[in-house]
Amino acid sequence: MRVFFRHARRRQRSVSGPTCYRSAAYRPLRPWQVRERSFRPTPLGRRGLDPQEVREFLDRVAGDLAVVYDALAQSRRETDRVKDALRRWQSEQGRARNERGYDR
């Protein structure tokens, strides 16, 4: 999981940087997109994939994507919470330093 987030950060930086290799229209896959994906049936007399197996696999991929997106959202919420706490602490420290400086 840690490797996924490290790679995601790299991709995120490259998208916002000046040397972007993805188009602006690129959107990552969402679980519902994977679940709704359908494949054309093979013509008669030709080999093909078992539609049931394909559906099961797509459901599994969609479930994994949902878990990853949930973990990412939770991580972002936690990051925001920590950043807010740090900002409050820094403000309190700055005020305390200013008050001590005026007392001298």
PDB file of N, CA and C in Angstrom:
ATOM      1  N   MET A   1       0.835  -1.190   0.000  1.00  0.00           N
ATOM      2  CA  MET A   1       0.000   0.000   0.000  1.00  0.00           C
ATOM      3  C   MET A   1       0.881   1.255   0.000  1.00  0.00           C
ATOM      4  N   ARG A   2       1.961   1.225   0.792  1.00  0.00           N
ATOM      5  CA  ARG A   2       2.850   2.373   0.876  1.00  0.00           C
ATOM      6  C   ARG A   2       3.452   2.694  -0.493  1.00  0.00           C
ATOM      7  N   VAL A   3       3.796   1.662  -1.242  1.00  0.00           N
ATOM      8  CA  VAL A   3       4.368   1.855  -2.579  1.00  0.00           C
ATOM      9  C   VAL A   3       3.360   2.523  -3.493  1.00  0.00           C
ATOM     10  N   PHE A   4       2.093   2.124  -3.399  1.00  0.00           N
ATOM     11  CA  PHE A   4       1.054   2.734  -4.231  1.00  0.00           C
ATOM     12  C   PHE A   4       0.976   4.233  -3.996  1.00  0.00           C
ATOM     13  N   PHE A   5       0.975   4.646  -2.705  1.00  0.00           N
ATOM     14  CA  PHE A   5       0.851   6.068  -2.407  1.00  0.00           C
ATOM     15  C   PHE A   5       2.093   6.836  -2.850  1.00  0.00           C
ATOM     16  N   ARG A   6       3.271   6.197  -2.741  1.00  0.00           N
ATOM     17  CA  ARG A   6       4.496   6.851  -3.193  1.00  0.00           C
ATOM     18  C   ARG A   6       4.425   7.097  -4.695  1.00  0.00           C
ATOM     19  N   HIS A   7       3.968   6.092  -5.456  1.00  0.00           N
ATOM     20  CA  HIS A   7       3.829   6.258  -6.900  1.00  0.00           C
ATOM     21  C   HIS A   7       2.730   7.264  -7.227  1.00  0.00           C
ATOM     22  N   ALA A   8       1.661   7.269  -6.448  1.00  0.00           N
ATOM     23  CA  ALA A   8       0.571   8.218  -6.688  1.00  0.00           C
ATOM     24  C   ALA A   8       1.064   9.645  -6.496  1.00  0.00           C
ATOM     25  N   ARG A   9       1.910   9.865  -5.475  1.00  0.00           N
ATOM     26  CA  ARG A   9       2.452  11.209  -5.262  1.00  0.00           C
ATOM     27  C   ARG A   9       3.319  11.628  -6.432  1.00  0.00           C
ATOM     28  N   ARG A  10       4.115  10.704  -6.950  1.00  0.00           N
ATOM     29  CA  ARG A  10       4.955  11.035  -8.102  1.00  0.00           C
ATOM     30  C   ARG A  10       4.103  11.411  -9.298  1.00  0.00           C
ATOM     31  N   ARG A  11       3.047  10.612  -9.544  1.00  0.00           N
ATOM     32  CA  ARG A  11       2.157  10.920 -10.670  1.00  0.00           C
ATOM     33  C   ARG A  11       1.491  12.256 -10.451  1.00  0.00           C
ATOM     34  N   GLN A  12       1.089  12.526  -9.226  1.00  0.00           N
ATOM     35  CA  GLN A  12       0.395  13.773  -8.948  1.00  0.00           C
ATOM     36  C   GLN A  12       1.322  14.957  -9.203  1.00  0.00           C
ATOM     37  N   ARG A  13       2.591  14.861  -8.783  1.00  0.00           N
ATOM     38  CA  ARG A  13       3.535  15.937  -9.035  1.00  0.00           C
ATOM     39  C   ARG A  13       3.757  16.141 -10.527  1.00  0.00           C
ATOM     40  N   SER A  14       3.888  15.044 -11.261  1.00  0.00           N
ATOM     41  CA  SER A  14       4.174  15.184 -12.686  1.00  0.00           C
ATOM     42  C   SER A  14       2.997  15.796 -13.436  1.00  0.00           C
ATOM     43  N   VAL A  15       1.785  15.542 -12.972  1.00  0.00           N
ATOM     44  CA  VAL A  15       0.616  16.104 -13.655  1.00  0.00           C
ATOM     45  C   VAL A  15       0.583  17.612 -13.484  1.00  0.00           C
ATOM     46  N   SER A  16       0.925  18.096 -12.291  1.00  0.00           N
ATOM     47  CA  SER A  16       0.854  19.532 -12.054  1.00  0.00           C
ATOM     48  C   SER A  16       2.111  20.262 -12.513  1.00  0.00           C
ATOM     49  N   GLY A  17       3.177  19.531 -12.810  1.00  0.00           N
ATOM     50  CA  GLY A  17       4.433  20.147 -13.219  1.00  0.00           C
ATOM     51  C   GLY A  17       4.396  20.619 -14.651  1.00  0.00           C
ATOM     52  N   PRO A  18       5.463  21.303 -15.079  1.00  0.00           N
ATOM     53  CA  PRO A  18       5.500  21.851 -16.437  1.00  0.00           C
ATOM     54  C   PRO A  18       5.680  20.786 -17.513  1.00  0.00           C
ATOM     55  N   THR A  19       6.215  19.618 -17.162  1.00  0.00           N
ATOM     56  CA  THR A  19       6.426  18.565 -18.157  1.00  0.00           C
ATOM     57  C   THR A  19       5.412  17.456 -17.940  1.00  0.00           C
ATOM     58  N   CYS A  20       4.204  17.708 -18.318  1.00  0.00           N
ATOM     59  CA  CYS A  20       3.110  16.758 -18.119  1.00  0.00           C
ATOM     60  C   CYS A  20       2.955  15.895 -19.362  1.00  0.00           C
ATOM     61  N   TYR A  21       2.954  14.578 -19.156  1.00  0.00           N
ATOM     62  CA  TYR A  21       2.813  13.666 -20.282  1.00  0.00           C
ATOM     63  C   TYR A  21       1.378  13.199 -20.466  1.00  0.00           C
ATOM     64  N   ARG A  22       0.516  13.506 -19.543  1.00  0.00           N
ATOM     65  CA  ARG A  22      -0.891  13.122 -19.651  1.00  0.00           C
ATOM     66  C   ARG A  22      -1.689  14.300 -20.174  1.00  0.00           C
ATOM     67  N   SER A  23      -2.760  13.983 -20.855  1.00  0.00           N
ATOM     68  CA  SER A  23      -3.611  15.070 -21.315  1.00  0.00           C
ATOM     69  C   SER A  23      -4.404  15.606 -20.136  1.00  0.00           C
ATOM     70  N   ALA A  24      -4.876  16.801 -20.259  1.00  0.00           N
ATOM     71  CA  ALA A  24      -5.668  17.402 -19.193  1.00  0.00           C
ATOM     72  C   ALA A  24      -6.991  16.671 -19.024  1.00  0.00           C
ATOM     73  N   ALA A  25      -7.417  15.936 -20.038  1.00  0.00           N
ATOM     74  CA  ALA A  25      -8.685  15.212 -19.977  1.00  0.00           C
ATOM     75  C   ALA A  25      -8.549  13.870 -19.256  1.00  0.00           C
ATOM     76  N   TYR A  26      -7.319  13.471 -18.881  1.00  0.00           N
ATOM     77  CA  TYR A  26      -7.117  12.170 -18.218  1.00  0.00           C
ATOM     78  C   TYR A  26      -7.835  12.151 -16.884  1.00  0.00           C
ATOM     79  N   ARG A  27      -8.589  11.100 -16.660  1.00  0.00           N
ATOM     80  CA  ARG A  27      -9.269  10.887 -15.392  1.00  0.00           C
ATOM     81  C   ARG A  27      -8.987   9.462 -14.943  1.00  0.00           C
ATOM     82  N   PRO A  28      -8.578   9.262 -13.694  1.00  0.00           N
ATOM     83  CA  PRO A  28      -8.334   7.896 -13.232  1.00  0.00           C
ATOM     84  C   PRO A  28      -9.635   7.101 -13.191  1.00  0.00           C
ATOM     85  N   LEU A  29      -9.505   5.797 -13.315  1.00  0.00           N
ATOM     86  CA  LEU A  29     -10.684   4.933 -13.276  1.00  0.00           C
ATOM     87  C   LEU A  29     -11.350   4.985 -11.911  1.00  0.00           C
ATOM     88  N   ARG A  30     -12.634   4.967 -11.915  1.00  0.00           N
ATOM     89  CA  ARG A  30     -13.424   4.898 -10.683  1.00  0.00           C
ATOM     90  C   ARG A  30     -14.036   3.510 -10.600  1.00  0.00           C
ATOM     91  N   PRO A  31     -14.333   3.054  -9.399  1.00  0.00           N
ATOM     92  CA  PRO A  31     -14.903   1.705  -9.250  1.00  0.00           C
ATOM     93  C   PRO A  31     -16.143   1.473 -10.101  1.00  0.00           C
ATOM     94  N   TRP A  32     -17.028   2.454 -10.173  1.00  0.00           N
ATOM     95  CA  TRP A  32     -18.255   2.255 -10.954  1.00  0.00           C
ATOM     96  C   TRP A  32     -17.949   2.098 -12.440  1.00  0.00           C
ATOM     97  N   GLN A  33     -16.868   2.744 -12.925  1.00  0.00           N
ATOM     98  CA  GLN A  33     -16.503   2.603 -14.333  1.00  0.00           C
ATOM     99  C   GLN A  33     -16.048   1.178 -14.632  1.00  0.00           C
ATOM    100  N   VAL A  34     -15.317   0.588 -13.702  1.00  0.00           N
ATOM    101  CA  VAL A  34     -14.858  -0.786 -13.897  1.00  0.00           C
ATOM    102  C   VAL A  34     -16.043  -1.736 -13.854  1.00  0.00           C
ATOM    103  N   ARG A  35     -16.945  -1.513 -12.906  1.00  0.00           N
ATOM    104  CA  ARG A  35     -18.114  -2.398 -12.783  1.00  0.00           C
ATOM    105  C   ARG A  35     -19.015  -2.337 -14.016  1.00  0.00           C
ATOM    106  N   GLU A  36     -19.129  -1.160 -14.626  1.00  0.00           N
ATOM    107  CA  GLU A  36     -20.026  -1.006 -15.772  1.00  0.00           C
ATOM    108  C   GLU A  36     -19.378  -1.372 -17.105  1.00  0.00           C
ATOM    109  N   ARG A  37     -18.093  -1.648 -17.107  1.00  0.00           N
ATOM    110  CA  ARG A  37     -17.396  -1.984 -18.348  1.00  0.00           C
ATOM    111  C   ARG A  37     -17.929  -3.305 -18.876  1.00  0.00           C
ATOM    112  N   SER A  38     -18.211  -3.355 -20.169  1.00  0.00           N
ATOM    113  CA  SER A  38     -18.675  -4.604 -20.774  1.00  0.00           C
ATOM    114  C   SER A  38     -17.803  -4.920 -21.979  1.00  0.00           C
ATOM    115  N   PHE A  39     -17.730  -6.182 -22.312  1.00  0.00           N
ATOM    116  CA  PHE A  39     -16.922  -6.642 -23.428  1.00  0.00           C
ATOM    117  C   PHE A  39     -17.836  -7.223 -24.489  1.00  0.00           C
ATOM    118  N   ARG A  40     -17.440  -7.060 -25.736  1.00  0.00           N
ATOM    119  CA  ARG A  40     -18.226  -7.631 -26.826  1.00  0.00           C
ATOM    120  C   ARG A  40     -18.110  -9.156 -26.795  1.00  0.00           C
ATOM    121  N   PRO A  41     -19.187  -9.827 -27.074  1.00  0.00           N
ATOM    122  CA  PRO A  41     -19.096 -11.296 -27.122  1.00  0.00           C
ATOM    123  C   PRO A  41     -18.285 -11.722 -28.339  1.00  0.00           C
ATOM    124  N   THR A  42     -17.663 -12.874 -28.218  1.00  0.00           N
ATOM    125  CA  THR A  42     -16.886 -13.380 -29.347  1.00  0.00           C
ATOM    126  C   THR A  42     -17.837 -13.960 -30.390  1.00  0.00           C
ATOM    127  N   PRO A  43     -17.460 -13.875 -31.646  1.00  0.00           N
ATOM    128  CA  PRO A  43     -18.305 -14.466 -32.686  1.00  0.00           C
ATOM    129  C   PRO A  43     -18.400 -15.984 -32.505  1.00  0.00           C
ATOM    130  N   LEU A  44     -19.447 -16.549 -33.030  1.00  0.00           N
ATOM    131  CA  LEU A  44     -19.627 -17.995 -32.925  1.00  0.00           C
ATOM    132  C   LEU A  44     -18.467 -18.721 -33.577  1.00  0.00           C
ATOM    133  N   GLY A  45     -18.045 -19.793 -32.961  1.00  0.00           N
ATOM    134  CA  GLY A  45     -16.969 -20.590 -33.508  1.00  0.00           C
ATOM    135  C   GLY A  45     -15.581 -20.081 -33.165  1.00  0.00           C
ATOM    136  N   ARG A  46     -15.494 -18.990 -32.413  1.00  0.00           N
ATOM    137  CA  ARG A  46     -14.194 -18.451 -32.018  1.00  0.00           C
ATOM    138  C   ARG A  46     -14.029 -18.584 -30.525  1.00  0.00           C
ATOM    139  N   ARG A  47     -12.796 -18.639 -30.122  1.00  0.00           N
ATOM    140  CA  ARG A  47     -12.523 -18.701 -28.689  1.00  0.00           C
ATOM    141  C   ARG A  47     -12.687 -17.321 -28.090  1.00  0.00           C
ATOM    142  N   GLY A  48     -12.970 -17.296 -26.807  1.00  0.00           N
ATOM    143  CA  GLY A  48     -13.111 -16.031 -26.126  1.00  0.00           C
ATOM    144  C   GLY A  48     -13.023 -16.227 -24.628  1.00  0.00           C
ATOM    145  N   LEU A  49     -13.234 -15.185 -23.922  1.00  0.00           N
ATOM    146  CA  LEU A  49     -13.208 -15.243 -22.470  1.00  0.00           C
ATOM    147  C   LEU A  49     -14.580 -15.578 -21.941  1.00  0.00           C
ATOM    148  N   ASP A  50     -14.597 -16.250 -20.806  1.00  0.00           N
ATOM    149  CA  ASP A  50     -15.851 -16.562 -20.143  1.00  0.00           C
ATOM    150  C   ASP A  50     -16.400 -15.263 -19.553  1.00  0.00           C
ATOM    151  N   PRO A  51     -17.561 -14.818 -20.006  1.00  0.00           N
ATOM    152  CA  PRO A  51     -18.107 -13.543 -19.514  1.00  0.00           C
ATOM    153  C   PRO A  51     -18.262 -13.509 -17.995  1.00  0.00           C
ATOM    154  N   GLN A  52     -18.600 -14.626 -17.391  1.00  0.00           N
ATOM    155  CA  GLN A  52     -18.763 -14.658 -15.936  1.00  0.00           C
ATOM    156  C   GLN A  52     -17.428 -14.403 -15.232  1.00  0.00           C
ATOM    157  N   GLU A  53     -16.359 -15.008 -15.753  1.00  0.00           N
ATOM    158  CA  GLU A  53     -15.036 -14.790 -15.165  1.00  0.00           C
ATOM    159  C   GLU A  53     -14.607 -13.330 -15.330  1.00  0.00           C
ATOM    160  N   VAL A  54     -14.881 -12.753 -16.484  1.00  0.00           N
ATOM    161  CA  VAL A  54     -14.536 -11.351 -16.717  1.00  0.00           C
ATOM    162  C   VAL A  54     -15.293 -10.472 -15.731  1.00  0.00           C
ATOM    163  N   ARG A  55     -16.571 -10.727 -15.557  1.00  0.00           N
ATOM    164  CA  ARG A  55     -17.381  -9.944 -14.622  1.00  0.00           C
ATOM    165  C   ARG A  55     -16.854 -10.072 -13.194  1.00  0.00           C
ATOM    166  N   GLU A  56     -16.515 -11.296 -12.779  1.00  0.00           N
ATOM    167  CA  GLU A  56     -15.982 -11.503 -11.427  1.00  0.00           C
ATOM    168  C   GLU A  56     -14.666 -10.748 -11.238  1.00  0.00           C
ATOM    169  N   PHE A  57     -13.827 -10.788 -12.281  1.00  0.00           N
ATOM    170  CA  PHE A  57     -12.559 -10.083 -12.183  1.00  0.00           C
ATOM    171  C   PHE A  57     -12.783  -8.572 -12.089  1.00  0.00           C
ATOM    172  N   LEU A  58     -13.666  -8.046 -12.919  1.00  0.00           N
ATOM    173  CA  LEU A  58     -13.943  -6.608 -12.887  1.00  0.00           C
ATOM    174  C   LEU A  58     -14.517  -6.194 -11.533  1.00  0.00           C
ATOM    175  N   ASP A  59     -15.371  -7.028 -10.950  1.00  0.00           N
ATOM    176  CA  ASP A  59     -15.900  -6.723  -9.623  1.00  0.00           C
ATOM    177  C   ASP A  59     -14.785  -6.701  -8.586  1.00  0.00           C
ATOM    178  N   ARG A  60     -13.842  -7.627  -8.734  1.00  0.00           N
ATOM    179  CA  ARG A  60     -12.718  -7.664  -7.798  1.00  0.00           C
ATOM    180  C   ARG A  60     -11.852  -6.415  -7.948  1.00  0.00           C
ATOM    181  N   VAL A  61     -11.554  -6.028  -9.179  1.00  0.00           N
ATOM    182  CA  VAL A  61     -10.753  -4.827  -9.427  1.00  0.00           C
ATOM    183  C   VAL A  61     -11.482  -3.598  -8.885  1.00  0.00           C
ATOM    184  N   ALA A  62     -12.779  -3.520  -9.122  1.00  0.00           N
ATOM    185  CA  ALA A  62     -13.559  -2.387  -8.631  1.00  0.00           C
ATOM    186  C   ALA A  62     -13.528  -2.333  -7.107  1.00  0.00           C
ATOM    187  N   GLY A  63     -13.623  -3.481  -6.464  1.00  0.00           N
ATOM    188  CA  GLY A  63     -13.551  -3.517  -5.002  1.00  0.00           C
ATOM    189  C   GLY A  63     -12.203  -3.038  -4.500  1.00  0.00           C
ATOM    190  N   ASP A  64     -11.135  -3.479  -5.165  1.00  0.00           N
ATOM    191  CA  ASP A  64      -9.800  -3.028  -4.777  1.00  0.00           C
ATOM    192  C   ASP A  64      -9.641  -1.528  -4.979  1.00  0.00           C
ATOM    193  N   LEU A  65     -10.155  -1.023  -6.089  1.00  0.00           N
ATOM    194  CA  LEU A  65     -10.099   0.424  -6.331  1.00  0.00           C
ATOM    195  C   LEU A  65     -10.871   1.188  -5.254  1.00  0.00           C
ATOM    196  N   ALA A  66     -12.016   0.675  -4.878  1.00  0.00           N
ATOM    197  CA  ALA A  66     -12.817   1.340  -3.845  1.00  0.00           C
ATOM    198  C   ALA A  66     -12.059   1.396  -2.526  1.00  0.00           C
ATOM    199  N   VAL A  67     -11.379   0.314  -2.177  1.00  0.00           N
ATOM    200  CA  VAL A  67     -10.591   0.293  -0.938  1.00  0.00           C
ATOM    201  C   VAL A  67      -9.466   1.319  -1.000  1.00  0.00           C
ATOM    202  N   VAL A  68      -8.793   1.385  -2.143  1.00  0.00           N
ATOM    203  CA  VAL A  68      -7.692   2.332  -2.295  1.00  0.00           C
ATOM    204  C   VAL A  68      -8.196   3.768  -2.213  1.00  0.00           C
ATOM    205  N   TYR A  69      -9.302   4.069  -2.897  1.00  0.00           N
ATOM    206  CA  TYR A  69      -9.842   5.425  -2.851  1.00  0.00           C
ATOM    207  C   TYR A  69     -10.306   5.784  -1.439  1.00  0.00           C
ATOM    208  N   ASP A  70     -10.892   4.832  -0.718  1.00  0.00           N
ATOM    209  CA  ASP A  70     -11.295   5.095   0.670  1.00  0.00           C
ATOM    210  C   ASP A  70     -10.078   5.373   1.543  1.00  0.00           C
ATOM    211  N   ALA A  71      -9.011   4.578   1.370  1.00  0.00           N
ATOM    212  CA  ALA A  71      -7.794   4.787   2.149  1.00  0.00           C
ATOM    213  C   ALA A  71      -7.172   6.141   1.827  1.00  0.00           C
ATOM    214  N   LEU A  72      -7.200   6.510   0.565  1.00  0.00           N
ATOM    215  CA  LEU A  72      -6.655   7.797   0.154  1.00  0.00           C
ATOM    216  C   LEU A  72      -7.451   8.947   0.761  1.00  0.00           C
ATOM    217  N   ALA A  73      -8.764   8.840   0.736  1.00  0.00           N
ATOM    218  CA  ALA A  73      -9.609   9.882   1.322  1.00  0.00           C
ATOM    219  C   ALA A  73      -9.369   9.987   2.830  1.00  0.00           C
ATOM    220  N   GLN A  74      -9.256   8.853   3.491  1.00  0.00           N
ATOM    221  CA  GLN A  74      -8.999   8.864   4.934  1.00  0.00           C
ATOM    222  C   GLN A  74      -7.634   9.488   5.224  1.00  0.00           C
ATOM    223  N   SER A  75      -6.646   9.158   4.407  1.00  0.00           N
ATOM    224  CA  SER A  75      -5.310   9.723   4.579  1.00  0.00           C
ATOM    225  C   SER A  75      -5.334  11.236   4.389  1.00  0.00           C
ATOM    226  N   ARG A  76      -6.077  11.702   3.404  1.00  0.00           N
ATOM    227  CA  ARG A  76      -6.180  13.159   3.182  1.00  0.00           C
ATOM    228  C   ARG A  76      -6.880  13.856   4.340  1.00  0.00           C
ATOM    229  N   ARG A  77      -7.923  13.224   4.871  1.00  0.00           N
ATOM    230  CA  ARG A  77      -8.606  13.817   6.034  1.00  0.00           C
ATOM    231  C   ARG A  77      -7.656  13.900   7.222  1.00  0.00           C
ATOM    232  N   GLU A  78      -6.901  12.843   7.442  1.00  0.00           N
ATOM    233  CA  GLU A  78      -5.941  12.840   8.552  1.00  0.00           C
ATOM    234  C   GLU A  78      -4.852  13.884   8.336  1.00  0.00           C
ATOM    235  N   THR A  79      -4.372  14.024   7.117  1.00  0.00           N
ATOM    236  CA  THR A  79      -3.366  15.039   6.802  1.00  0.00           C
ATOM    237  C   THR A  79      -3.917  16.430   7.075  1.00  0.00           C
ATOM    238  N   ASP A  80      -5.148  16.686   6.658  1.00  0.00           N
ATOM    239  CA  ASP A  80      -5.771  17.990   6.915  1.00  0.00           C
ATOM    240  C   ASP A  80      -5.905  18.254   8.413  1.00  0.00           C
ATOM    241  N   ARG A  81      -6.279  17.221   9.160  1.00  0.00           N
ATOM    242  CA  ARG A  81      -6.425  17.372  10.612  1.00  0.00           C
ATOM    243  C   ARG A  81      -5.089  17.707  11.258  1.00  0.00           C
ATOM    244  N   VAL A  82      -4.030  17.015  10.854  1.00  0.00           N
ATOM    245  CA  VAL A  82      -2.697  17.266  11.411  1.00  0.00           C
ATOM    246  C   VAL A  82      -2.206  18.656  11.021  1.00  0.00           C
ATOM    247  N   LYS A  83      -2.435  19.052   9.771  1.00  0.00           N
ATOM    248  CA  LYS A  83      -2.017  20.388   9.333  1.00  0.00           C
ATOM    249  C   LYS A  83      -2.728  21.472  10.138  1.00  0.00           C
ATOM    250  N   ASP A  84      -4.032  21.301  10.359  1.00  0.00           N
ATOM    251  CA  ASP A  84      -4.781  22.279  11.144  1.00  0.00           C
ATOM    252  C   ASP A  84      -4.254  22.358  12.570  1.00  0.00           C
ATOM    253  N   ALA A  85      -3.970  21.206  13.172  1.00  0.00           N
ATOM    254  CA  ALA A  85      -3.432  21.187  14.532  1.00  0.00           C
ATOM    255  C   ALA A  85      -2.067  21.876  14.578  1.00  0.00           C
ATOM    256  N   LEU A  86      -1.241  21.629  13.571  1.00  0.00           N
ATOM    257  CA  LEU A  86       0.075  22.265  13.522  1.00  0.00           C
ATOM    258  C   LEU A  86      -0.059  23.775  13.369  1.00  0.00           C
ATOM    259  N   ARG A  87      -0.977  24.216  12.525  1.00  0.00           N
ATOM    260  CA  ARG A  87      -1.184  25.668  12.354  1.00  0.00           C
ATOM    261  C   ARG A  87      -1.633  26.312  13.661  1.00  0.00           C
ATOM    262  N   ARG A  88      -2.565  25.643  14.352  1.00  0.00           N
ATOM    263  CA  ARG A  88      -3.012  26.189  15.644  1.00  0.00           C
ATOM    264  C   ARG A  88      -1.856  26.272  16.633  1.00  0.00           C
ATOM    265  N   TRP A  89      -1.057  25.215  16.704  1.00  0.00           N
ATOM    266  CA  TRP A  89       0.071  25.190  17.623  1.00  0.00           C
ATOM    267  C   TRP A  89       1.068  26.294  17.279  1.00  0.00           C
ATOM    268  N   GLN A  90       1.368  26.457  15.977  1.00  0.00           N
ATOM    269  CA  GLN A  90       2.307  27.500  15.567  1.00  0.00           C
ATOM    270  C   GLN A  90       1.773  28.885  15.917  1.00  0.00           C
ATOM    271  N   SER A  91       0.470  29.098  15.738  1.00  0.00           N
ATOM    272  CA  SER A  91      -0.128  30.387  16.085  1.00  0.00           C
ATOM    273  C   SER A  91      -0.003  30.651  17.580  1.00  0.00           C
ATOM    274  N   GLU A  92      -0.292  29.632  18.382  1.00  0.00           N
ATOM    275  CA  GLU A  92      -0.170  29.781  19.834  1.00  0.00           C
ATOM    276  C   GLU A  92       1.268  30.081  20.229  1.00  0.00           C
ATOM    277  N   GLN A  93       2.224  29.398  19.610  1.00  0.00           N
ATOM    278  CA  GLN A  93       3.634  29.631  19.923  1.00  0.00           C
ATOM    279  C   GLN A  93       4.045  31.044  19.506  1.00  0.00           C
ATOM    280  N   GLY A  94       3.562  31.493  18.364  1.00  0.00           N
ATOM    281  CA  GLY A  94       3.880  32.849  17.907  1.00  0.00           C
ATOM    282  C   GLY A  94       3.318  33.902  18.844  1.00  0.00           C
ATOM    283  N   ARG A  95       2.067  33.691  19.272  1.00  0.00           N
ATOM    284  CA  ARG A  95       1.466  34.640  20.218  1.00  0.00           C
ATOM    285  C   ARG A  95       2.226  34.654  21.534  1.00  0.00           C
ATOM    286  N   ALA A  96       2.582  33.480  22.031  1.00  0.00           N
ATOM    287  CA  ALA A  96       3.317  33.387  23.291  1.00  0.00           C
ATOM    288  C   ALA A  96       4.678  34.066  23.165  1.00  0.00           C
ATOM    289  N   ARG A  97       5.345  33.890  22.030  1.00  0.00           N
ATOM    290  CA  ARG A  97       6.646  34.512  21.828  1.00  0.00           C
ATOM    291  C   ARG A  97       6.507  36.033  21.792  1.00  0.00           C
ATOM    292  N   ASN A  98       5.464  36.523  21.122  1.00  0.00           N
ATOM    293  CA  ASN A  98       5.236  37.968  21.052  1.00  0.00           C
ATOM    294  C   ASN A  98       4.934  38.540  22.423  1.00  0.00           C
ATOM    295  N   GLU A  99       4.132  37.833  23.212  1.00  0.00           N
ATOM    296  CA  GLU A  99       3.809  38.310  24.558  1.00  0.00           C
ATOM    297  C   GLU A  99       5.051  38.365  25.434  1.00  0.00           C
ATOM    298  N   ARG A 100       5.905  37.354  25.341  1.00  0.00           N
ATOM    299  CA  ARG A 100       7.151  37.359  26.120  1.00  0.00           C
ATOM    300  C   ARG A 100       8.070  38.460  25.651  1.00  0.00           C
ATOM    301  N   GLY A 101       8.091  38.734  24.360  1.00  0.00           N
ATOM    302  CA  GLY A 101       8.954  39.782  23.823  1.00  0.00           C
ATOM    303  C   GLY A 101       8.525  41.158  24.288  1.00  0.00           C
ATOM    304  N   TYR A 102       7.211  41.376  24.456  1.00  0.00           N
ATOM    305  CA  TYR A 102       6.714  42.669  24.902  1.00  0.00           C
ATOM    306  C   TYR A 102       6.910  42.858  26.393  1.00  0.00           C
ATOM    307  N   ASP A 103       6.978  41.759  27.151  1.00  0.00           N
ATOM    308  CA  ASP A 103       7.147  41.859  28.584  1.00  0.00           C
ATOM    309  C   ASP A 103       8.567  42.282  28.947  1.00  0.00           C
ATOM    310  N   ARG A 104       9.529  42.044  28.122  1.00  0.00           N
ATOM    311  CA  ARG A 104      10.927  42.344  28.445  1.00  0.00           C
ATOM    312  C   ARG A 104      11.239  43.759  28.302  1.00  0.00           C
TER     313      ARG A 104
END
